[in-house]
Amino acid sequence: QDRKLDPGQRRDRRDRKDRDNDRDEWTAEKDHKEGDQYYIVGTWNDWSKFEVLTPGPKWYTYTVTLGSNRWEQFQIVRAEDWKQRIYPVTCAAQPNGNIKGPEDGGHGYNWMIDGRNEPWVKEEMRGDPGTKYEVQFQPRWRMRTLQWVRQ
């Protein structure tokens, strides 16, 4: 006897499949290697200058300062090479989502630090122009994540 799924169950299965397709596949070329340098580039300098992410014991970090619009978008780039972009799988992405790269692609797929007073922005993340956020990036494949904290 065939069991039919209601529309909600079918949608959930498609959504899960789509999410699985958003996951990047491991390759040796994409994995972090000792000595790799990572850079951040974004709206605060009109995407014109690679700024170094400072390596630390757990994270590579960089401090982003909100401009007059109260939001900034950015990507991570390995070795100052646009063909080695590291980017989220959605546009204007929030922290801790799926990450793609490093690879040649991802134009327009940026992380977005949003400090505006909007319903979708958590109150503790809102900020005025000049508010600082520390971007924290962990490049090792199985632990790869990107997040930020308001300072």
Protein backbone atom coordinates (compact mmCIF):
# COMPACT_ATOMS: atom_id res chain seq x y z
CA GLN A 1 0.00 0.00 0.00
CA ASP A 2 1.43 3.38 -1.06
CA ARG A 3 1.61 5.98 1.62
CA LYS A 4 1.07 9.49 0.32
CA LEU A 5 2.79 12.44 1.95
CA ASP A 6 0.91 15.60 2.67
CA PRO A 7 2.25 18.73 0.90
CA GLY A 8 4.15 19.86 4.02
CA GLN A 9 6.09 16.61 4.21
CA ARG A 10 6.98 16.79 0.51
CA ARG A 11 8.20 20.35 0.92
CA ASP A 12 10.37 19.32 3.88
CA ARG A 13 12.03 16.60 1.80
CA ARG A 14 12.78 19.01 -1.05
CA ASP A 15 14.11 21.59 1.38
CA ARG A 16 16.43 19.02 2.95
CA LYS A 17 17.72 18.01 -0.51
CA ASP A 18 18.27 21.66 -1.44
CA ARG A 19 20.16 22.26 1.83
CA ASP A 20 22.36 19.23 1.12
CA ASN A 21 23.22 20.70 -2.29
CA ASP A 22 24.38 23.87 -0.53
CA ARG A 23 27.10 21.96 1.28
CA ASP A 24 30.52 22.21 -0.27
CA GLU A 25 32.45 19.02 -1.02
CA TRP A 26 35.89 18.58 0.48
CA THR A 27 38.93 18.65 -1.78
CA ALA A 28 42.56 18.89 -0.77
CA GLU A 29 42.87 22.17 -2.72
CA LYS A 30 40.08 23.76 -0.65
CA ASP A 31 41.33 22.62 2.74
CA HIS A 32 43.29 24.96 5.00
CA LYS A 33 47.06 24.54 4.95
CA GLU A 34 49.58 25.85 7.44
CA GLY A 35 50.74 29.28 6.27
CA ASP A 36 47.59 30.11 4.29
CA GLN A 37 46.71 33.80 4.47
CA TYR A 38 43.11 34.99 4.54
CA TYR A 39 41.80 38.42 3.70
CA ILE A 40 38.50 40.23 4.05
CA VAL A 41 37.08 42.62 1.48
CA GLY A 42 33.78 44.45 1.59
CA THR A 43 31.52 47.44 1.26
CA TRP A 44 33.45 49.64 3.74
CA ASN A 45 36.17 50.14 1.11
CA ASP A 46 34.03 49.58 -2.00
CA TRP A 47 35.51 46.07 -2.47
CA SER A 48 38.82 47.70 -3.45
CA LYS A 49 41.31 46.51 -0.83
CA PHE A 50 42.12 43.14 0.73
CA GLU A 51 42.54 43.53 4.50
CA VAL A 52 44.45 40.78 6.32
CA LEU A 53 42.63 38.57 8.80
CA THR A 54 44.79 38.29 11.90
CA PRO A 55 45.56 34.66 12.82
CA GLY A 56 44.97 33.63 16.43
CA PRO A 57 44.87 30.39 18.42
CA LYS A 58 41.31 29.55 17.31
CA TRP A 59 40.15 32.20 14.82
CA TYR A 60 41.33 34.48 12.09
CA THR A 61 39.85 37.87 13.03
CA TYR A 62 39.16 41.32 11.65
CA THR A 63 37.24 44.28 13.11
CA VAL A 64 34.54 45.78 10.89
CA THR A 65 33.19 49.24 11.71
CA LEU A 66 29.64 50.08 10.59
CA GLY A 67 29.34 52.97 8.17
CA SER A 68 26.52 55.49 7.88
CA ASN A 69 24.07 52.94 6.42
CA ARG A 70 24.52 50.73 9.57
CA TRP A 71 25.32 47.57 7.60
CA GLU A 72 28.36 46.12 5.83
CA GLN A 73 28.76 43.16 3.46
CA PHE A 74 31.93 41.14 2.89
CA GLN A 75 33.64 38.01 1.63
CA ILE A 76 36.80 36.17 2.66
CA VAL A 77 39.54 35.60 0.08
CA ARG A 78 42.53 33.27 0.37
CA ALA A 79 45.93 34.49 -0.83
CA GLU A 80 44.54 37.81 -2.19
CA ASP A 81 43.13 35.84 -5.14
CA TRP A 82 39.52 36.46 -6.26
CA LYS A 83 39.56 32.90 -7.67
CA GLN A 84 39.83 31.66 -4.06
CA ARG A 85 36.71 33.30 -2.63
CA ILE A 86 35.12 31.93 0.51
CA TYR A 87 31.48 32.88 0.67
CA PRO A 88 28.07 31.94 2.11
CA VAL A 89 25.49 29.98 0.11
CA THR A 90 22.91 32.80 0.40
CA CYS A 91 22.97 36.52 -0.29
CA ALA A 92 23.20 38.91 2.68
CA ALA A 93 23.95 35.88 4.86
CA GLN A 94 23.99 35.83 8.61
CA PRO A 95 26.75 34.05 10.59
CA ASN A 96 27.16 30.30 11.10
CA GLY A 97 25.60 29.14 7.82
CA ASN A 98 26.97 26.87 5.10
CA ILE A 99 30.18 28.08 3.46
CA LYS A 100 31.47 27.51 -0.09
CA GLY A 101 35.00 27.81 -1.44
CA PRO A 102 37.71 28.68 -1.76
CA GLU A 103 36.79 28.73 -5.45
CA ASP A 104 36.18 30.97 -8.42
CA GLY A 105 32.56 31.97 -7.94
CA GLY A 106 30.27 33.49 -5.38
CA HIS A 107 29.97 36.99 -6.82
CA GLY A 108 27.15 38.67 -4.89
CA TYR A 109 27.02 35.99 -2.18
CA ASN A 110 28.16 37.97 0.83
CA TRP A 111 27.90 37.93 4.58
CA MET A 112 26.06 40.95 5.96
CA ILE A 113 26.57 42.53 9.35
CA ASP A 114 23.30 44.36 9.90
CA GLY A 115 23.09 46.91 12.70
CA ARG A 116 19.85 48.56 11.57
CA ASN A 117 16.79 48.82 13.78
CA GLU A 118 14.80 46.25 11.80
CA PRO A 119 12.57 43.44 13.13
CA TRP A 120 14.87 40.72 11.77
CA VAL A 121 17.98 42.16 13.50
CA LYS A 122 18.53 40.87 17.02
CA GLU A 123 18.53 43.75 19.48
CA GLU A 124 21.99 42.89 20.82
CA MET A 125 23.42 43.09 17.27
CA ARG A 126 21.99 46.53 16.41
CA GLY A 127 24.43 49.38 16.22
CA ASP A 128 24.94 52.96 15.15
CA PRO A 129 27.54 54.16 12.65
CA GLY A 130 30.93 53.50 14.22
CA THR A 131 29.85 50.33 16.05
CA LYS A 132 32.53 47.64 15.81
CA TYR A 133 32.08 43.91 15.17
CA GLU A 134 34.80 41.29 15.32
CA VAL A 135 34.55 38.88 12.39
CA GLN A 136 35.86 35.44 13.39
CA PHE A 137 36.76 32.88 10.72
CA GLN A 138 37.83 29.27 11.27
CA PRO A 139 39.13 27.84 7.96
CA ARG A 140 39.79 24.20 8.90
CA TRP A 141 37.39 22.09 6.86
CA ARG A 142 35.56 20.09 9.51
CA MET A 143 35.41 23.10 11.85
CA ARG A 144 34.95 25.77 9.18
CA THR A 145 32.71 28.57 10.38
CA LEU A 146 32.30 32.31 10.22
CA GLN A 147 30.66 34.46 12.88
CA TRP A 148 30.87 37.92 14.34
CA VAL A 149 30.42 39.50 17.73
CA ARG A 150 29.55 43.08 18.56
CA GLN A 151 32.31 44.75 20.55
